[in-house]
Amino acid sequence: MASFKFKNVYLGDTSTISGVNEKINTKFSISDYFDGEKTSEDAEVKMQKIVLKDISKKNKIDVMLSADLSNQTGISNKAASEFPNSHLGLYSACASFAEGLIVAGSLIGSAQNVQNACVTVSSHNLSAERTFRYPIEYGSPRRVTQNFTATGAAAAIVTKDPTNIKIESCTIGKVTDYGIKDANNMGAIMAPSAARTIIEHLNDTKRSANYYDLILTGDLGTLGSELMMTLLEKNDITLKNHIDAGAELIVDKKLTDQGASGPVCLPLYFIEKVLKEKKYKRILIVGTGALQNQTLVNQKNTLPSVSHAVSIEVI
C-alpha cells in the first residue's frame, strides 16, 4: 500500500515565519539567527511557538503534529509543551511536512473526534549545520554540492471543514539507499527516493506527470533536481512542470550553489508562493528527506532517504 485517497480532507489556515536569507515573504520574520534568545535552539523553539500561537487564535486544534531536525525532535517537544493539545512528534527529516499532512489527513478521515489537526515543521541554519556538518564558527569551506539549511517555521491546519484547498491523495515513500556516504551531497542522496515516489504515485493513481500543473519537490537543490530528472527519464517520465522549493528559496551564490534544505523549505514555498499565485489547480508536493544520523555518518555508513507525495487540488 503505497498510495491512497483521502475523503473530505482540506487544508485550512496557515502561518509562516522565516529568517533573513530566505527569499520569500512570510507572515512573520526574525531579524537575525538568535532573535533575542541565548541559543539558536531557543530561537527555533520561539519560531514554532509564534506560528502555533498565531494559528491557534482562529482554530480549535484537536491534535498537533510537529517535526524538526534536532536530536529526538527536541525543538518540537519543547514548543509543544507550552500548548494543551495532544501531540505527535514526527521525523522524516526534510520530508516531514508531507508526512505530517499524510498522518493528519488519516486522523481526520478516521477519528470521529478529530476535526482539526495542526502540522508544524521548522529548521534553523545554525542548529542544523552544527548537528549534521560543522559549526558555522569553525569556518569550514562549503562544498559545491552542499545545501544551505533554511531558517523558519510553518504551521498548517488540516481539517474536515471544507475549504478551496483539498488534500486529495498521497503516496507514502519507501526508504531508498543508493550507497552514497557523503552527507554534504544531500541532493544525490534524496534524488533516488524522490524519483521512486513520483513513479509509484503516477503508477498507483494511473496518472501522467502532465496531470499536475506543478510537481513541487522539497529541497533536492539544483544538482539533486537534475539527478531526479535523469532517473525519471530512464523510466520514460519527463517533467516539464517541476520546481524545487529549496532551489528557489535561497538563491544567494555566496551561501550555496544548490539552494536551501530543511523541513521548512517545502511548506514555506508551497504556502507563500504556490498557493498565493493562484495559477495552479493540481499540485503534487513531494517532501524529500535525507535520513542521516551523526553516528552513522561518522561510522562511514551509507545514507538512506525517503520522499512522501501529497496531491493537492485547488477548487
C-alpha atoms as a PDB file:
ATOM      1  CA  MET A   1       0.000   0.000   0.000  1.00  0.00           C
ATOM      2  CA  ALA A   2       1.964   2.970  -1.254  1.00  0.00           C
ATOM      3  CA  SER A   3      -0.858   5.304  -2.289  1.00  0.00           C
ATOM      4  CA  PHE A   4      -4.381   6.047  -1.115  1.00  0.00           C
ATOM      5  CA  LYS A   5      -7.032   8.733  -1.435  1.00  0.00           C
ATOM      6  CA  PHE A   6      -8.488  10.968   1.247  1.00  0.00           C
ATOM      7  CA  LYS A   7     -12.175  11.732   1.650  1.00  0.00           C
ATOM      8  CA  ASN A   8     -13.240  15.204   2.722  1.00  0.00           C
ATOM      9  CA  VAL A   9      -9.844  16.377   3.992  1.00  0.00           C
ATOM     10  CA  TYR A  10      -8.865  20.006   3.443  1.00  0.00           C
ATOM     11  CA  LEU A  11      -6.046  22.447   4.091  1.00  0.00           C
ATOM     12  CA  GLY A  12      -7.142  25.300   6.320  1.00  0.00           C
ATOM     13  CA  ASP A  13      -5.342  28.271   7.866  1.00  0.00           C
ATOM     14  CA  THR A  14      -1.569  28.567   7.689  1.00  0.00           C
ATOM     15  CA  SER A  15       1.146  30.598   9.394  1.00  0.00           C
ATOM     16  CA  THR A  16       4.800  31.084   8.454  1.00  0.00           C
ATOM     17  CA  ILE A  17       7.988  32.701   9.733  1.00  0.00           C
ATOM     18  CA  SER A  18      11.449  32.942   8.164  1.00  0.00           C
ATOM     19  CA  GLY A  19      14.903  34.446   8.587  1.00  0.00           C
ATOM     20  CA  VAL A  20      16.919  36.930   6.572  1.00  0.00           C
ATOM     21  CA  ASN A  21      18.271  34.700   3.778  1.00  0.00           C
ATOM     22  CA  GLU A  22      15.022  33.105   2.618  1.00  0.00           C
ATOM     23  CA  LYS A  23      13.828  34.994  -0.464  1.00  0.00           C
ATOM     24  CA  ILE A  24      10.123  34.844   0.247  1.00  0.00           C
ATOM     25  CA  ASN A  25       7.572  36.968   2.075  1.00  0.00           C
ATOM     26  CA  THR A  26       6.312  35.205   5.189  1.00  0.00           C
ATOM     27  CA  LYS A  27       3.721  36.353   7.706  1.00  0.00           C
ATOM     28  CA  PHE A  28       6.382  36.752  10.395  1.00  0.00           C
ATOM     29  CA  SER A  29      10.149  37.118  10.278  1.00  0.00           C
ATOM     30  CA  ILE A  30      13.151  37.215  12.607  1.00  0.00           C
ATOM     31  CA  SER A  31      15.841  39.857  12.332  1.00  0.00           C
ATOM     32  CA  ASP A  32      18.818  37.564  12.985  1.00  0.00           C
ATOM     33  CA  TYR A  33      19.561  33.958  13.873  1.00  0.00           C
ATOM     34  CA  PHE A  34      19.007  34.445  17.614  1.00  0.00           C
ATOM     35  CA  ASP A  35      16.165  36.984  17.663  1.00  0.00           C
ATOM     36  CA  GLY A  36      16.887  37.928  21.261  1.00  0.00           C
ATOM     37  CA  GLU A  37      17.353  34.352  22.500  1.00  0.00           C
ATOM     38  CA  LYS A  38      20.534  32.864  24.018  1.00  0.00           C
ATOM     39  CA  THR A  39      20.852  29.944  21.599  1.00  0.00           C
ATOM     40  CA  SER A  40      19.780  29.042  18.081  1.00  0.00           C
ATOM     41  CA  GLU A  41      17.739  26.196  19.550  1.00  0.00           C
ATOM     42  CA  ASP A  42      15.802  28.643  21.718  1.00  0.00           C
ATOM     43  CA  ALA A  43      15.245  30.796  18.636  1.00  0.00           C
ATOM     44  CA  GLU A  44      13.829  27.811  16.738  1.00  0.00           C
ATOM     45  CA  VAL A  45      11.509  26.949  19.626  1.00  0.00           C
ATOM     46  CA  LYS A  46      10.386  30.580  19.565  1.00  0.00           C
ATOM     47  CA  MET A  47       9.601  30.370  15.832  1.00  0.00           C
ATOM     48  CA  GLN A  48       7.447  27.275  16.324  1.00  0.00           C
ATOM     49  CA  LYS A  49       5.614  28.947  19.211  1.00  0.00           C
ATOM     50  CA  ILE A  50       4.938  32.069  17.116  1.00  0.00           C
ATOM     51  CA  VAL A  51       3.244  30.163  14.280  1.00  0.00           C
ATOM     52  CA  LEU A  52       1.407  27.864  16.701  1.00  0.00           C
ATOM     53  CA  LYS A  53       0.047  30.765  18.738  1.00  0.00           C
ATOM     54  CA  ASP A  54      -0.965  32.551  15.554  1.00  0.00           C
ATOM     55  CA  ILE A  55      -2.826  29.591  14.115  1.00  0.00           C
ATOM     56  CA  SER A  56      -4.462  28.796  17.467  1.00  0.00           C
ATOM     57  CA  LYS A  57      -6.222  32.175  17.532  1.00  0.00           C
ATOM     58  CA  LYS A  58      -8.815  31.133  14.936  1.00  0.00           C
ATOM     59  CA  ASN A  59      -8.733  27.343  15.167  1.00  0.00           C
ATOM     60  CA  LYS A  60      -9.609  24.768  17.808  1.00  0.00           C
ATOM     61  CA  ILE A  61      -6.795  22.236  17.495  1.00  0.00           C
ATOM     62  CA  ASP A  62      -7.580  18.626  18.429  1.00  0.00           C
ATOM     63  CA  VAL A  63      -4.086  17.257  17.846  1.00  0.00           C
ATOM     64  CA  MET A  64      -0.702  18.722  16.942  1.00  0.00           C
ATOM     65  CA  LEU A  65       1.882  17.011  14.743  1.00  0.00           C
ATOM     66  CA  SER A  66       5.325  18.557  14.540  1.00  0.00           C
ATOM     67  CA  ALA A  67       8.846  17.912  13.319  1.00  0.00           C
ATOM     68  CA  ASP A  68      12.289  19.474  13.189  1.00  0.00           C
ATOM     69  CA  LEU A  69      15.915  18.390  12.679  1.00  0.00           C
ATOM     70  CA  SER A  70      17.088  18.384  16.294  1.00  0.00           C
ATOM     71  CA  ASN A  71      18.004  15.225  18.186  1.00  0.00           C
ATOM     72  CA  GLN A  72      14.858  13.411  19.330  1.00  0.00           C
ATOM     73  CA  THR A  73      12.809  16.303  17.850  1.00  0.00           C
ATOM     74  CA  GLY A  74      13.658  18.292  20.953  1.00  0.00           C
ATOM     75  CA  ILE A  75      12.617  21.611  19.388  1.00  0.00           C
ATOM     76  CA  SER A  76       9.113  20.395  18.604  1.00  0.00           C
ATOM     77  CA  ASN A  77       8.664  18.782  22.002  1.00  0.00           C
ATOM     78  CA  LYS A  78       9.804  21.926  23.809  1.00  0.00           C
ATOM     79  CA  ALA A  79       7.427  24.116  21.816  1.00  0.00           C
ATOM     80  CA  ALA A  80       4.529  21.671  22.205  1.00  0.00           C
ATOM     81  CA  SER A  81       4.978  21.596  25.994  1.00  0.00           C
ATOM     82  CA  GLU A  82       3.505  25.106  26.179  1.00  0.00           C
ATOM     83  CA  PHE A  83       0.244  24.111  24.481  1.00  0.00           C
ATOM     84  CA  PRO A  84      -2.577  21.984  25.974  1.00  0.00           C
ATOM     85  CA  ASN A  85      -3.082  19.868  22.853  1.00  0.00           C
ATOM     86  CA  SER A  86      -2.371  16.200  22.207  1.00  0.00           C
ATOM     87  CA  HIS A  87       0.890  15.916  20.316  1.00  0.00           C
ATOM     88  CA  LEU A  88       2.591  13.524  17.908  1.00  0.00           C
ATOM     89  CA  GLY A  89       6.255  14.072  17.114  1.00  0.00           C
ATOM     90  CA  LEU A  90       7.257  13.114  13.565  1.00  0.00           C
ATOM     91  CA  TYR A  91      10.514  12.598  11.724  1.00  0.00           C
ATOM     92  CA  SER A  92      11.144  12.140   8.027  1.00  0.00           C
ATOM     93  CA  ALA A  93      13.861  14.818   8.000  1.00  0.00           C
ATOM     94  CA  CYS A  94      13.053  17.321   5.250  1.00  0.00           C
ATOM     95  CA  ALA A  95      10.086  15.204   4.119  1.00  0.00           C
ATOM     96  CA  SER A  96       8.345  15.781   7.457  1.00  0.00           C
ATOM     97  CA  PHE A  97       5.772  18.328   6.252  1.00  0.00           C
ATOM     98  CA  ALA A  98       4.432  15.883   3.675  1.00  0.00           C
ATOM     99  CA  GLU A  99       4.473  13.140   6.299  1.00  0.00           C
ATOM    100  CA  GLY A 100       2.557  15.420   8.646  1.00  0.00           C
ATOM    101  CA  LEU A 101      -0.141  16.072   6.050  1.00  0.00           C
ATOM    102  CA  ILE A 102      -0.487  12.328   5.445  1.00  0.00           C
ATOM    103  CA  VAL A 103      -0.785  11.458   9.147  1.00  0.00           C
ATOM    104  CA  ALA A 104      -3.109  14.395   9.827  1.00  0.00           C
ATOM    105  CA  GLY A 105      -5.295  13.529   6.847  1.00  0.00           C
ATOM    106  CA  SER A 106      -5.513   9.926   8.042  1.00  0.00           C
ATOM    107  CA  LEU A 107      -6.566  11.046  11.523  1.00  0.00           C
ATOM    108  CA  ILE A 108      -9.150  13.452  10.113  1.00  0.00           C
ATOM    109  CA  GLY A 109     -10.586  10.725   7.923  1.00  0.00           C
ATOM    110  CA  SER A 110     -10.755   8.005  10.577  1.00  0.00           C
ATOM    111  CA  ALA A 111     -11.125   9.592  14.017  1.00  0.00           C
ATOM    112  CA  GLN A 112     -14.587  10.983  14.733  1.00  0.00           C
ATOM    113  CA  ASN A 113     -13.350  13.321  17.467  1.00  0.00           C
ATOM    114  CA  VAL A 114     -10.571  14.884  15.386  1.00  0.00           C
ATOM    115  CA  GLN A 115     -11.877  17.871  13.446  1.00  0.00           C
ATOM    116  CA  ASN A 116      -8.698  19.922  13.126  1.00  0.00           C
ATOM    117  CA  ALA A 117      -5.071  18.795  13.180  1.00  0.00           C
ATOM    118  CA  CYS A 118      -2.131  21.204  13.101  1.00  0.00           C
ATOM    119  CA  VAL A 119       1.052  20.254  11.232  1.00  0.00           C
ATOM    120  CA  THR A 120       4.129  22.258  12.223  1.00  0.00           C
ATOM    121  CA  VAL A 121       7.729  21.982  10.989  1.00  0.00           C
ATOM    122  CA  SER A 122      10.842  24.081  11.489  1.00  0.00           C
ATOM    123  CA  SER A 123      14.564  24.250  10.813  1.00  0.00           C
ATOM    124  CA  HIS A 124      17.365  26.595  11.831  1.00  0.00           C
ATOM    125  CA  ASN A 125      20.599  27.089   9.935  1.00  0.00           C
ATOM    126  CA  LEU A 126      22.948  27.297  12.916  1.00  0.00           C
ATOM    127  CA  SER A 127      21.443  24.341  14.768  1.00  0.00           C
ATOM    128  CA  ALA A 128      21.244  22.043  11.759  1.00  0.00           C
ATOM    129  CA  GLU A 129      24.691  22.868  10.408  1.00  0.00           C
ATOM    130  CA  ARG A 130      26.250  22.147  13.798  1.00  0.00           C
ATOM    131  CA  THR A 131      24.331  18.884  14.092  1.00  0.00           C
ATOM    132  CA  PHE A 132      24.961  17.453  10.640  1.00  0.00           C
ATOM    133  CA  ARG A 133      28.165  19.153   9.457  1.00  0.00           C
ATOM    134  CA  TYR A 134      30.339  21.720  11.226  1.00  0.00           C
ATOM    135  CA  PRO A 135      29.503  24.712  13.431  1.00  0.00           C
ATOM    136  CA  ILE A 136      29.462  27.899  11.361  1.00  0.00           C
ATOM    137  CA  GLU A 137      32.158  29.362  13.631  1.00  0.00           C
ATOM    138  CA  TYR A 138      34.507  26.555  12.583  1.00  0.00           C
ATOM    139  CA  GLY A 139      34.864  28.204   9.196  1.00  0.00           C
ATOM    140  CA  SER A 140      34.849  25.011   7.142  1.00  0.00           C
ATOM    141  CA  PRO A 141      34.613  25.726   3.398  1.00  0.00           C
ATOM    142  CA  ARG A 142      31.247  24.807   1.931  1.00  0.00           C
ATOM    143  CA  ARG A 143      31.300  22.201  -0.819  1.00  0.00           C
ATOM    144  CA  VAL A 144      29.716  22.929  -4.171  1.00  0.00           C
ATOM    145  CA  THR A 145      27.203  20.103  -3.587  1.00  0.00           C
ATOM    146  CA  GLN A 146      26.135  21.388  -0.168  1.00  0.00           C
ATOM    147  CA  ASN A 147      22.715  22.907   0.542  1.00  0.00           C
ATOM    148  CA  PHE A 148      22.222  25.793   2.993  1.00  0.00           C
ATOM    149  CA  THR A 149      19.759  24.994   5.770  1.00  0.00           C
ATOM    150  CA  ALA A 150      16.784  27.339   5.748  1.00  0.00           C
ATOM    151  CA  THR A 151      15.655  29.113   8.906  1.00  0.00           C
ATOM    152  CA  GLY A 152      11.949  29.282   9.595  1.00  0.00           C
ATOM    153  CA  ALA A 153       8.793  27.525  10.724  1.00  0.00           C
ATOM    154  CA  ALA A 154       5.407  26.796   9.204  1.00  0.00           C
ATOM    155  CA  ALA A 155       2.107  25.611  10.634  1.00  0.00           C
ATOM    156  CA  ALA A 156      -0.922  24.399   8.697  1.00  0.00           C
ATOM    157  CA  ILE A 157      -4.399  23.260   9.721  1.00  0.00           C
ATOM    158  CA  VAL A 158      -5.705  20.028   8.218  1.00  0.00           C
ATOM    159  CA  THR A 159      -9.446  19.943   8.673  1.00  0.00           C
ATOM    160  CA  LYS A 160     -12.783  18.327   7.904  1.00  0.00           C
ATOM    161  CA  ASP A 161     -14.267  21.767   7.279  1.00  0.00           C
ATOM    162  CA  PRO A 162     -14.411  22.347   3.507  1.00  0.00           C
ATOM    163  CA  THR A 163     -12.037  24.939   2.055  1.00  0.00           C
ATOM    164  CA  ASN A 164     -10.922  25.615  -1.505  1.00  0.00           C
ATOM    165  CA  ILE A 165      -7.772  23.513  -0.988  1.00  0.00           C
ATOM    166  CA  LYS A 166      -8.423  19.778  -0.937  1.00  0.00           C
ATOM    167  CA  ILE A 167      -5.880  17.179   0.160  1.00  0.00           C
ATOM    168  CA  GLU A 168      -6.809  14.598  -2.438  1.00  0.00           C
ATOM    169  CA  SER A 169      -4.420  11.645  -2.155  1.00  0.00           C
ATOM    170  CA  CYS A 170      -0.930  10.652  -1.110  1.00  0.00           C
ATOM    171  CA  THR A 171       1.902   8.226  -1.652  1.00  0.00           C
ATOM    172  CA  ILE A 172       3.907   7.065   1.349  1.00  0.00           C
ATOM    173  CA  GLY A 173       7.522   6.765   0.271  1.00  0.00           C
ATOM    174  CA  LYS A 174       9.859   3.821   0.709  1.00  0.00           C
ATOM    175  CA  VAL A 175      13.279   4.236   2.279  1.00  0.00           C
ATOM    176  CA  THR A 176      15.851   4.167  -0.509  1.00  0.00           C
ATOM    177  CA  ASP A 177      19.622   3.712  -0.181  1.00  0.00           C
ATOM    178  CA  TYR A 178      21.808   4.229  -3.262  1.00  0.00           C
ATOM    179  CA  GLY A 179      25.031   3.670  -1.331  1.00  0.00           C
ATOM    180  CA  ILE A 180      26.041   7.351  -1.006  1.00  0.00           C
ATOM    181  CA  LYS A 181      28.118   8.224   2.070  1.00  0.00           C
ATOM    182  CA  ASP A 182      28.665  11.957   1.554  1.00  0.00           C
ATOM    183  CA  ALA A 183      26.480  13.934   3.995  1.00  0.00           C
ATOM    184  CA  ASN A 184      27.418  17.086   2.096  1.00  0.00           C
ATOM    185  CA  ASN A 185      25.610  15.880  -1.028  1.00  0.00           C
ATOM    186  CA  MET A 186      22.006  15.549   0.082  1.00  0.00           C
ATOM    187  CA  GLY A 187      20.665  16.148  -3.411  1.00  0.00           C
ATOM    188  CA  ALA A 188      22.286  12.937  -4.614  1.00  0.00           C
ATOM    189  CA  ILE A 189      21.084  11.093  -1.513  1.00  0.00           C
ATOM    190  CA  MET A 190      17.448  12.181  -1.959  1.00  0.00           C
ATOM    191  CA  ALA A 191      17.045  12.156  -5.749  1.00  0.00           C
ATOM    192  CA  PRO A 192      16.521   8.351  -5.985  1.00  0.00           C
ATOM    193  CA  SER A 193      13.727   8.324  -3.388  1.00  0.00           C
ATOM    194  CA  ALA A 194      12.073  11.370  -4.981  1.00  0.00           C
ATOM    195  CA  ALA A 195      12.048   9.686  -8.384  1.00  0.00           C
ATOM    196  CA  ARG A 196      10.825   6.423  -6.882  1.00  0.00           C
ATOM    197  CA  THR A 197       7.917   8.067  -5.069  1.00  0.00           C
ATOM    198  CA  ILE A 198       6.848  10.081  -8.111  1.00  0.00           C
ATOM    199  CA  ILE A 199       6.926   6.945 -10.279  1.00  0.00           C
ATOM    200  CA  GLU A 200       4.896   4.976  -7.734  1.00  0.00           C
ATOM    201  CA  HIS A 201       2.388   7.804  -7.315  1.00  0.00           C
ATOM    202  CA  LEU A 202       1.795   8.112 -11.044  1.00  0.00           C
ATOM    203  CA  ASN A 203       1.542   4.333 -11.466  1.00  0.00           C
ATOM    204  CA  ASP A 204      -0.788   3.869  -8.485  1.00  0.00           C
ATOM    205  CA  THR A 205      -3.097   6.706  -9.496  1.00  0.00           C
ATOM    206  CA  LYS A 206      -2.842   5.882 -13.216  1.00  0.00           C
ATOM    207  CA  ARG A 207      -1.919   9.478 -13.982  1.00  0.00           C
ATOM    208  CA  SER A 208       0.688  11.046 -16.200  1.00  0.00           C
ATOM    209  CA  ALA A 209       3.054  13.743 -14.985  1.00  0.00           C
ATOM    210  CA  ASN A 210       1.105  16.243 -17.095  1.00  0.00           C
ATOM    211  CA  TYR A 211      -1.966  15.643 -14.914  1.00  0.00           C
ATOM    212  CA  TYR A 212      -0.408  18.096 -12.476  1.00  0.00           C
ATOM    213  CA  ASP A 213       0.057  21.793 -13.110  1.00  0.00           C
ATOM    214  CA  LEU A 214       3.037  21.661 -10.771  1.00  0.00           C
ATOM    215  CA  ILE A 215       5.223  18.999  -9.182  1.00  0.00           C
ATOM    216  CA  LEU A 216       6.976  20.673  -6.253  1.00  0.00           C
ATOM    217  CA  THR A 217       9.863  18.889  -4.556  1.00  0.00           C
ATOM    218  CA  GLY A 218      11.140  19.953  -1.155  1.00  0.00           C
ATOM    219  CA  ASP A 219      14.870  20.526  -1.160  1.00  0.00           C
ATOM    220  CA  LEU A 220      16.719  18.495  -3.760  1.00  0.00           C
ATOM    221  CA  GLY A 221      18.608  21.598  -4.830  1.00  0.00           C
ATOM    222  CA  THR A 222      19.958  22.191  -8.316  1.00  0.00           C
ATOM    223  CA  LEU A 223      22.064  19.030  -8.562  1.00  0.00           C
ATOM    224  CA  GLY A 224      19.509  16.805  -6.886  1.00  0.00           C
ATOM    225  CA  SER A 225      16.803  18.024  -9.252  1.00  0.00           C
ATOM    226  CA  GLU A 226      18.979  17.200 -12.256  1.00  0.00           C
ATOM    227  CA  LEU A 227      19.682  13.718 -10.893  1.00  0.00           C
ATOM    228  CA  MET A 228      15.982  13.113 -10.228  1.00  0.00           C
ATOM    229  CA  MET A 229      15.138  14.170 -13.784  1.00  0.00           C
ATOM    230  CA  THR A 230      17.702  11.722 -15.151  1.00  0.00           C
ATOM    231  CA  LEU A 231      16.244   8.862 -13.118  1.00  0.00           C
ATOM    232  CA  LEU A 232      12.696   9.729 -14.196  1.00  0.00           C
ATOM    233  CA  GLU A 233      13.687   9.933 -17.861  1.00  0.00           C
ATOM    234  CA  LYS A 234      15.079   6.409 -17.600  1.00  0.00           C
ATOM    235  CA  ASN A 235      11.516   5.430 -16.711  1.00  0.00           C
ATOM    236  CA  ASP A 236      10.055   7.397 -19.637  1.00  0.00           C
ATOM    237  CA  ILE A 237       8.855  10.272 -17.459  1.00  0.00           C
ATOM    238  CA  THR A 238       9.759  13.827 -18.441  1.00  0.00           C
ATOM    239  CA  LEU A 239       8.810  16.627 -16.082  1.00  0.00           C
ATOM    240  CA  LYS A 240       8.055  19.986 -17.665  1.00  0.00           C
ATOM    241  CA  ASN A 241       6.201  21.252 -14.613  1.00  0.00           C
ATOM    242  CA  HIS A 242       8.768  20.843 -11.842  1.00  0.00           C
ATOM    243  CA  ILE A 243      10.027  23.350  -9.255  1.00  0.00           C
ATOM    244  CA  ASP A 244      12.291  22.609  -6.313  1.00  0.00           C
ATOM    245  CA  ALA A 245      11.345  24.726  -3.299  1.00  0.00           C
ATOM    246  CA  GLY A 246      14.837  24.743  -1.823  1.00  0.00           C
ATOM    247  CA  ALA A 247      16.479  25.847  -5.055  1.00  0.00           C
ATOM    248  CA  GLU A 248      14.091  28.815  -5.191  1.00  0.00           C
ATOM    249  CA  LEU A 249      14.098  29.710  -1.500  1.00  0.00           C
ATOM    250  CA  ILE A 250      17.788  30.624  -1.173  1.00  0.00           C
ATOM    251  CA  VAL A 251      19.460  31.878  -4.332  1.00  0.00           C
ATOM    252  CA  ASP A 252      22.493  33.741  -2.958  1.00  0.00           C
ATOM    253  CA  LYS A 253      25.537  32.088  -4.556  1.00  0.00           C
ATOM    254  CA  LYS A 254      27.689  33.327  -1.678  1.00  0.00           C
ATOM    255  CA  LEU A 255      25.756  30.988   0.587  1.00  0.00           C
ATOM    256  CA  THR A 256      25.229  27.973  -1.651  1.00  0.00           C
ATOM    257  CA  ASP A 257      25.241  26.762  -5.243  1.00  0.00           C
ATOM    258  CA  GLN A 258      22.427  24.313  -4.541  1.00  0.00           C
ATOM    259  CA  GLY A 259      19.747  26.231  -2.680  1.00  0.00           C
ATOM    260  CA  ALA A 260      18.130  25.657   0.691  1.00  0.00           C
ATOM    261  CA  SER A 261      17.466  22.500   2.670  1.00  0.00           C
ATOM    262  CA  GLY A 262      15.403  21.773   5.756  1.00  0.00           C
ATOM    263  CA  PRO A 263      11.843  20.674   6.635  1.00  0.00           C
ATOM    264  CA  VAL A 264      10.599  24.259   6.317  1.00  0.00           C
ATOM    265  CA  CYS A 265      11.554  24.624   2.623  1.00  0.00           C
ATOM    266  CA  LEU A 266       8.547  22.831   1.164  1.00  0.00           C
ATOM    267  CA  PRO A 267       5.804  24.497   3.264  1.00  0.00           C
ATOM    268  CA  LEU A 268       7.283  27.999   3.014  1.00  0.00           C
ATOM    269  CA  TYR A 269       7.386  27.914  -0.763  1.00  0.00           C
ATOM    270  CA  PHE A 270       4.113  25.997  -1.107  1.00  0.00           C
ATOM    271  CA  ILE A 271       2.138  28.274   1.235  1.00  0.00           C
ATOM    272  CA  GLU A 272       3.630  31.662   0.437  1.00  0.00           C
ATOM    273  CA  LYS A 273       4.410  31.286  -3.268  1.00  0.00           C
ATOM    274  CA  VAL A 274       2.498  28.475  -4.960  1.00  0.00           C
ATOM    275  CA  LEU A 275      -0.875  28.918  -3.268  1.00  0.00           C
ATOM    276  CA  LYS A 276      -0.757  32.710  -3.386  1.00  0.00           C
ATOM    277  CA  GLU A 277      -0.004  32.783  -7.116  1.00  0.00           C
ATOM    278  CA  LYS A 278      -3.395  31.078  -7.645  1.00  0.00           C
ATOM    279  CA  LYS A 279      -2.434  29.693 -11.041  1.00  0.00           C
ATOM    280  CA  TYR A 280      -2.006  26.047 -10.075  1.00  0.00           C
ATOM    281  CA  LYS A 281      -5.070  23.840  -9.656  1.00  0.00           C
ATOM    282  CA  ARG A 282      -3.485  20.403  -9.385  1.00  0.00           C
ATOM    283  CA  ILE A 283      -0.315  20.260  -7.344  1.00  0.00           C
ATOM    284  CA  LEU A 284       1.836  17.321  -6.285  1.00  0.00           C
ATOM    285  CA  ILE A 285       4.099  18.212  -3.376  1.00  0.00           C
ATOM    286  CA  VAL A 286       6.959  15.799  -2.759  1.00  0.00           C
ATOM    287  CA  GLY A 287       8.777  16.086   0.542  1.00  0.00           C
ATOM    288  CA  THR A 288      12.364  14.844   0.238  1.00  0.00           C
ATOM    289  CA  GLY A 289      14.349  13.720   3.272  1.00  0.00           C
ATOM    290  CA  ALA A 290      17.920  12.529   3.803  1.00  0.00           C
ATOM    291  CA  LEU A 291      17.724  10.184   6.786  1.00  0.00           C
ATOM    292  CA  GLN A 292      21.240  10.756   8.018  1.00  0.00           C
ATOM    293  CA  ASN A 293      22.399  10.290  11.568  1.00  0.00           C
ATOM    294  CA  GLN A 294      25.525  11.749  13.156  1.00  0.00           C
ATOM    295  CA  THR A 295      26.777   8.439  14.471  1.00  0.00           C
ATOM    296  CA  LEU A 296      26.134   6.518  11.262  1.00  0.00           C
ATOM    297  CA  VAL A 297      27.768   9.264   9.189  1.00  0.00           C
ATOM    298  CA  ASN A 298      30.883   9.168  11.362  1.00  0.00           C
ATOM    299  CA  GLN A 299      30.929   5.379  11.038  1.00  0.00           C
ATOM    300  CA  LYS A 300      31.034   5.808   7.238  1.00  0.00           C
ATOM    301  CA  ASN A 301      27.660   4.181   6.665  1.00  0.00           C
ATOM    302  CA  THR A 302      25.661   4.740   3.510  1.00  0.00           C
ATOM    303  CA  LEU A 303      22.853   7.263   3.858  1.00  0.00           C
ATOM    304  CA  PRO A 304      19.224   6.384   3.028  1.00  0.00           C
ATOM    305  CA  SER A 305      16.434   8.785   2.109  1.00  0.00           C
ATOM    306  CA  VAL A 306      12.658   8.871   1.901  1.00  0.00           C
ATOM    307  CA  SER A 307      10.193  11.008  -0.065  1.00  0.00           C
ATOM    308  CA  HIS A 308       6.455  11.350   0.518  1.00  0.00           C
ATOM    309  CA  ALA A 309       3.985  12.781  -2.011  1.00  0.00           C
ATOM    310  CA  VAL A 310       0.695  14.588  -1.370  1.00  0.00           C
ATOM    311  CA  SER A 311      -1.747  15.514  -4.134  1.00  0.00           C
ATOM    312  CA  ILE A 312      -3.439  18.903  -3.665  1.00  0.00           C
ATOM    313  CA  GLU A 313      -6.457  20.203  -5.576  1.00  0.00           C
ATOM    314  CA  VAL A 314      -7.373  23.888  -5.517  1.00  0.00           C
ATOM    315  CA  ILE A 315     -11.126  24.004  -6.104  1.00  0.00           C
END
